[in-house]
Amino acid sequence: MSIRDLSAHPFTHLDSSGQARMVDVTEKQPTVRSATAAGFVACGQTVIAALRDGSTPKGDVLAVARIAGIQGAKKCADLLPLAHVIGVHGAAVDLVIEDTGVRVTATVRTADRTGVEMEALTAVSVAALAVVDMVKGLDKSVWIENVRLITKTGGKSGDWHRPNE
């Protein structure tokens, strides 16, 4: 199926000839929007023990990852070529040590012309990468999994929530 065959469901980031473009949101009115994303850094028991007792060699893993995630949300448009530069008016990154790893959740808020789903996903991804970076000296087998959008609010498409979460 060609790009032109998809006219019933056009891709907003493609022009009429199928070339990538940034969607023009100039005429849209700013509205309050939010998005929450989550992910998980799977870790072995050595890492979990070090995280719980604060003995990781590089310092406070969760604090560094939290700040890295917030910075990731603010730098999203620098990383994704078709993402809009928007005002990140709020960003919260939470990390919870569990028995098999670290759960990462990020909520990003704005009052702008386009949503913050990519910013929330970037925040989770960068925070998870920071965890990996901080613990890789203890265990090189840690991995990131299940990064996903959980919920979004606002905008023309309205609210959305991932079922069963």
C-alpha atoms as a PDB file:
ATOM      1  CA  MET A   1       0.000   0.000   0.000  1.00  0.00           C
ATOM      2  CA  SER A   2       1.421   3.386  -0.935  1.00  0.00           C
ATOM      3  CA  ILE A   3       1.272   6.581   1.094  1.00  0.00           C
ATOM      4  CA  ARG A   4      -1.316   7.924  -1.320  1.00  0.00           C
ATOM      5  CA  ASP A   5      -3.600   4.938  -0.620  1.00  0.00           C
ATOM      6  CA  LEU A   6      -3.909   6.046   2.989  1.00  0.00           C
ATOM      7  CA  SER A   7      -5.896   9.203   2.227  1.00  0.00           C
ATOM      8  CA  ALA A   8      -8.728   8.097   4.519  1.00  0.00           C
ATOM      9  CA  HIS A   9      -6.243   8.146   7.411  1.00  0.00           C
ATOM     10  CA  PRO A  10      -3.494  10.554   6.388  1.00  0.00           C
ATOM     11  CA  PHE A  11      -0.321  10.745   8.397  1.00  0.00           C
ATOM     12  CA  THR A  12      -0.091  14.260   9.789  1.00  0.00           C
ATOM     13  CA  HIS A  13       3.707  14.306   9.524  1.00  0.00           C
ATOM     14  CA  LEU A  14       3.727  13.635   5.780  1.00  0.00           C
ATOM     15  CA  ASP A  15       2.984  16.143   3.048  1.00  0.00           C
ATOM     16  CA  SER A  16       0.961  15.295  -0.087  1.00  0.00           C
ATOM     17  CA  SER A  17       4.041  13.801  -1.770  1.00  0.00           C
ATOM     18  CA  GLY A  18       4.894  11.593   1.217  1.00  0.00           C
ATOM     19  CA  GLN A  19       7.766  13.717   2.514  1.00  0.00           C
ATOM     20  CA  ALA A  20       8.248  14.209   6.262  1.00  0.00           C
ATOM     21  CA  ARG A  21       7.208  17.589   7.601  1.00  0.00           C
ATOM     22  CA  MET A  22       6.572  19.259  10.900  1.00  0.00           C
ATOM     23  CA  VAL A  23       2.851  19.718  11.531  1.00  0.00           C
ATOM     24  CA  ASP A  24       1.903  23.404  11.557  1.00  0.00           C
ATOM     25  CA  VAL A  25       0.138  24.168  14.851  1.00  0.00           C
ATOM     26  CA  THR A  26       0.245  27.953  14.449  1.00  0.00           C
ATOM     27  CA  GLU A  27      -3.547  28.347  14.329  1.00  0.00           C
ATOM     28  CA  LYS A  28      -4.260  26.070  17.289  1.00  0.00           C
ATOM     29  CA  GLN A  29      -5.130  27.645  20.609  1.00  0.00           C
ATOM     30  CA  PRO A  30      -3.035  26.680  23.639  1.00  0.00           C
ATOM     31  CA  THR A  31      -4.804  24.369  26.073  1.00  0.00           C
ATOM     32  CA  VAL A  32      -3.762  22.623  29.262  1.00  0.00           C
ATOM     33  CA  ARG A  33      -2.377  19.191  28.476  1.00  0.00           C
ATOM     34  CA  SER A  34      -0.626  16.430  30.379  1.00  0.00           C
ATOM     35  CA  ALA A  35       0.841  13.018  29.737  1.00  0.00           C
ATOM     36  CA  THR A  36       2.107  10.246  31.972  1.00  0.00           C
ATOM     37  CA  ALA A  37       4.479   7.532  30.810  1.00  0.00           C
ATOM     38  CA  ALA A  38       6.119   4.625  32.592  1.00  0.00           C
ATOM     39  CA  GLY A  39       8.896   2.121  32.142  1.00  0.00           C
ATOM     40  CA  PHE A  40      11.029  -0.313  34.084  1.00  0.00           C
ATOM     41  CA  VAL A  41      14.729  -0.948  34.583  1.00  0.00           C
ATOM     42  CA  ALA A  42      15.191  -4.659  35.307  1.00  0.00           C
ATOM     43  CA  CYS A  43      18.035  -5.279  37.770  1.00  0.00           C
ATOM     44  CA  GLY A  44      19.564  -8.224  39.567  1.00  0.00           C
ATOM     45  CA  GLN A  45      19.625  -8.618  43.324  1.00  0.00           C
ATOM     46  CA  THR A  46      23.118  -7.091  43.688  1.00  0.00           C
ATOM     47  CA  VAL A  47      21.898  -3.831  42.192  1.00  0.00           C
ATOM     48  CA  ILE A  48      18.634  -3.875  44.149  1.00  0.00           C
ATOM     49  CA  ALA A  49      20.546  -4.365  47.414  1.00  0.00           C
ATOM     50  CA  ALA A  50      22.951  -1.511  46.583  1.00  0.00           C
ATOM     51  CA  LEU A  51      20.065   0.789  45.665  1.00  0.00           C
ATOM     52  CA  ARG A  52      18.235  -0.004  48.893  1.00  0.00           C
ATOM     53  CA  ASP A  53      21.239   0.472  51.175  1.00  0.00           C
ATOM     54  CA  GLY A  54      22.673   3.450  49.305  1.00  0.00           C
ATOM     55  CA  SER A  55      25.984   1.786  48.452  1.00  0.00           C
ATOM     56  CA  THR A  56      26.050   2.379  44.695  1.00  0.00           C
ATOM     57  CA  PRO A  57      29.542   3.576  43.697  1.00  0.00           C
ATOM     58  CA  LYS A  58      28.336   6.563  41.636  1.00  0.00           C
ATOM     59  CA  GLY A  59      26.112   8.061  44.345  1.00  0.00           C
ATOM     60  CA  ASP A  60      22.386   8.707  44.607  1.00  0.00           C
ATOM     61  CA  VAL A  61      21.020   6.857  41.583  1.00  0.00           C
ATOM     62  CA  LEU A  62      17.411   7.899  41.998  1.00  0.00           C
ATOM     63  CA  ALA A  63      18.227  11.609  42.429  1.00  0.00           C
ATOM     64  CA  VAL A  64      20.423  11.649  39.331  1.00  0.00           C
ATOM     65  CA  ALA A  65      17.840   9.724  37.296  1.00  0.00           C
ATOM     66  CA  ARG A  66      15.036  12.055  38.426  1.00  0.00           C
ATOM     67  CA  ILE A  67      16.939  15.154  37.274  1.00  0.00           C
ATOM     68  CA  ALA A  68      18.013  13.417  34.043  1.00  0.00           C
ATOM     69  CA  GLY A  69      14.377  12.578  33.294  1.00  0.00           C
ATOM     70  CA  ILE A  70      13.234  16.156  33.851  1.00  0.00           C
ATOM     71  CA  GLN A  71      16.016  17.399  31.603  1.00  0.00           C
ATOM     72  CA  GLY A  72      15.044  14.785  29.009  1.00  0.00           C
ATOM     73  CA  ALA A  73      11.478  16.123  28.933  1.00  0.00           C
ATOM     74  CA  LYS A  74      12.798  19.642  28.338  1.00  0.00           C
ATOM     75  CA  LYS A  75      15.143  18.468  25.550  1.00  0.00           C
ATOM     76  CA  CYS A  76      12.632  16.312  23.654  1.00  0.00           C
ATOM     77  CA  ALA A  77      12.468  18.592  20.601  1.00  0.00           C
ATOM     78  CA  ASP A  78      16.277  18.487  20.354  1.00  0.00           C
ATOM     79  CA  LEU A  79      16.132  14.699  20.026  1.00  0.00           C
ATOM     80  CA  LEU A  80      13.058  14.110  17.873  1.00  0.00           C
ATOM     81  CA  PRO A  81      13.250  16.046  14.602  1.00  0.00           C
ATOM     82  CA  LEU A  82       9.502  16.518  14.094  1.00  0.00           C
ATOM     83  CA  ALA A  83       8.599  17.287  17.719  1.00  0.00           C
ATOM     84  CA  HIS A  84       7.554  20.855  18.472  1.00  0.00           C
ATOM     85  CA  VAL A  85       9.459  23.091  20.847  1.00  0.00           C
ATOM     86  CA  ILE A  86       6.894  23.588  23.597  1.00  0.00           C
ATOM     87  CA  GLY A  87       6.863  24.960  27.076  1.00  0.00           C
ATOM     88  CA  VAL A  88       7.303  22.206  29.617  1.00  0.00           C
ATOM     89  CA  HIS A  89       5.488  23.864  32.499  1.00  0.00           C
ATOM     90  CA  GLY A  90       5.677  20.905  34.856  1.00  0.00           C
ATOM     91  CA  ALA A  91       7.627  17.668  34.952  1.00  0.00           C
ATOM     92  CA  ALA A  92       7.683  15.086  37.716  1.00  0.00           C
ATOM     93  CA  VAL A  93       9.743  11.916  37.527  1.00  0.00           C
ATOM     94  CA  ASP A  94       9.203   9.241  40.161  1.00  0.00           C
ATOM     95  CA  LEU A  95      11.397   6.193  40.672  1.00  0.00           C
ATOM     96  CA  VAL A  96      10.473   3.287  42.919  1.00  0.00           C
ATOM     97  CA  ILE A  97      12.793   0.432  43.816  1.00  0.00           C
ATOM     98  CA  GLU A  98      10.972  -2.886  43.489  1.00  0.00           C
ATOM     99  CA  ASP A  99      12.164  -6.456  44.049  1.00  0.00           C
ATOM    100  CA  THR A 100      13.226  -6.907  40.412  1.00  0.00           C
ATOM    101  CA  GLY A 101      14.161  -3.387  39.363  1.00  0.00           C
ATOM    102  CA  VAL A 102      13.237   0.279  39.306  1.00  0.00           C
ATOM    103  CA  ARG A 103       9.834   1.502  38.149  1.00  0.00           C
ATOM    104  CA  VAL A 104      10.026   4.899  36.418  1.00  0.00           C
ATOM    105  CA  THR A 105       6.992   7.140  35.972  1.00  0.00           C
ATOM    106  CA  ALA A 106       6.944  10.647  34.505  1.00  0.00           C
ATOM    107  CA  THR A 107       4.163  13.190  34.214  1.00  0.00           C
ATOM    108  CA  VAL A 108       4.659  16.252  32.047  1.00  0.00           C
ATOM    109  CA  ARG A 109       2.305  19.237  31.839  1.00  0.00           C
ATOM    110  CA  THR A 110       1.978  22.221  29.538  1.00  0.00           C
ATOM    111  CA  ALA A 111      -0.401  24.918  28.354  1.00  0.00           C
ATOM    112  CA  ASP A 112       0.513  24.846  24.687  1.00  0.00           C
ATOM    113  CA  ARG A 113      -0.679  24.023  21.161  1.00  0.00           C
ATOM    114  CA  THR A 114       0.394  20.381  21.114  1.00  0.00           C
ATOM    115  CA  GLY A 115       0.625  17.538  23.593  1.00  0.00           C
ATOM    116  CA  VAL A 116       3.438  16.339  25.825  1.00  0.00           C
ATOM    117  CA  GLU A 117       3.252  12.595  25.178  1.00  0.00           C
ATOM    118  CA  MET A 118       6.704  12.499  23.607  1.00  0.00           C
ATOM    119  CA  GLU A 119       8.120  14.597  26.433  1.00  0.00           C
ATOM    120  CA  ALA A 120       6.763  12.144  29.021  1.00  0.00           C
ATOM    121  CA  LEU A 121       8.125   9.158  27.080  1.00  0.00           C
ATOM    122  CA  THR A 122      11.492  10.898  26.697  1.00  0.00           C
ATOM    123  CA  ALA A 123      11.577  11.676  30.424  1.00  0.00           C
ATOM    124  CA  VAL A 124      11.032   7.998  31.277  1.00  0.00           C
ATOM    125  CA  SER A 125      13.574   6.831  28.712  1.00  0.00           C
ATOM    126  CA  VAL A 126      16.294   9.248  29.837  1.00  0.00           C
ATOM    127  CA  ALA A 127      15.656   8.560  33.527  1.00  0.00           C
ATOM    128  CA  ALA A 128      15.891   4.817  32.831  1.00  0.00           C
ATOM    129  CA  LEU A 129      19.122   5.336  30.879  1.00  0.00           C
ATOM    130  CA  ALA A 130      20.522   7.284  33.834  1.00  0.00           C
ATOM    131  CA  VAL A 131      19.721   4.370  36.156  1.00  0.00           C
ATOM    132  CA  VAL A 132      21.530   2.008  33.778  1.00  0.00           C
ATOM    133  CA  ASP A 133      24.501   4.367  33.599  1.00  0.00           C
ATOM    134  CA  MET A 134      24.682   4.688  37.376  1.00  0.00           C
ATOM    135  CA  VAL A 135      24.578   0.919  38.075  1.00  0.00           C
ATOM    136  CA  LYS A 136      26.362  -0.578  35.066  1.00  0.00           C
ATOM    137  CA  GLY A 137      29.556  -0.910  37.111  1.00  0.00           C
ATOM    138  CA  LEU A 138      27.719  -3.283  39.446  1.00  0.00           C
ATOM    139  CA  ASP A 139      25.890  -5.259  36.775  1.00  0.00           C
ATOM    140  CA  LYS A 140      26.158  -4.838  33.022  1.00  0.00           C
ATOM    141  CA  SER A 141      23.095  -7.013  32.398  1.00  0.00           C
ATOM    142  CA  VAL A 142      20.474  -4.463  33.546  1.00  0.00           C
ATOM    143  CA  TRP A 143      17.959  -3.556  30.861  1.00  0.00           C
ATOM    144  CA  ILE A 144      15.103  -1.177  30.118  1.00  0.00           C
ATOM    145  CA  GLU A 145      11.673  -2.533  29.290  1.00  0.00           C
ATOM    146  CA  ASN A 146       8.053  -1.636  28.720  1.00  0.00           C
ATOM    147  CA  VAL A 147       8.358   2.113  28.131  1.00  0.00           C
ATOM    148  CA  ARG A 148       4.828   3.226  27.287  1.00  0.00           C
ATOM    149  CA  LEU A 149       2.305   6.032  27.458  1.00  0.00           C
ATOM    150  CA  ILE A 150      -0.132   5.536  30.341  1.00  0.00           C
ATOM    151  CA  THR A 151      -2.441   8.527  29.987  1.00  0.00           C
ATOM    152  CA  LYS A 152      -2.836  11.869  28.238  1.00  0.00           C
ATOM    153  CA  THR A 153      -5.246  14.716  28.798  1.00  0.00           C
ATOM    154  CA  GLY A 154      -6.292  17.753  26.808  1.00  0.00           C
ATOM    155  CA  GLY A 155      -6.092  18.718  23.184  1.00  0.00           C
ATOM    156  CA  LYS A 156      -8.404  18.045  20.258  1.00  0.00           C
ATOM    157  CA  SER A 157      -8.295  14.269  20.669  1.00  0.00           C
ATOM    158  CA  GLY A 158      -9.301  14.550  24.339  1.00  0.00           C
ATOM    159  CA  ASP A 159      -8.311  12.280  27.176  1.00  0.00           C
ATOM    160  CA  TRP A 160      -6.882   8.798  26.774  1.00  0.00           C
ATOM    161  CA  HIS A 161      -5.923   6.142  29.316  1.00  0.00           C
ATOM    162  CA  ARG A 162      -4.172   2.833  28.637  1.00  0.00           C
ATOM    163  CA  PRO A 163      -6.571   0.054  29.623  1.00  0.00           C
ATOM    164  CA  ASN A 164      -5.694  -2.001  32.716  1.00  0.00           C
ATOM    165  CA  GLU A 165      -3.221   0.568  34.100  1.00  0.00           C
END
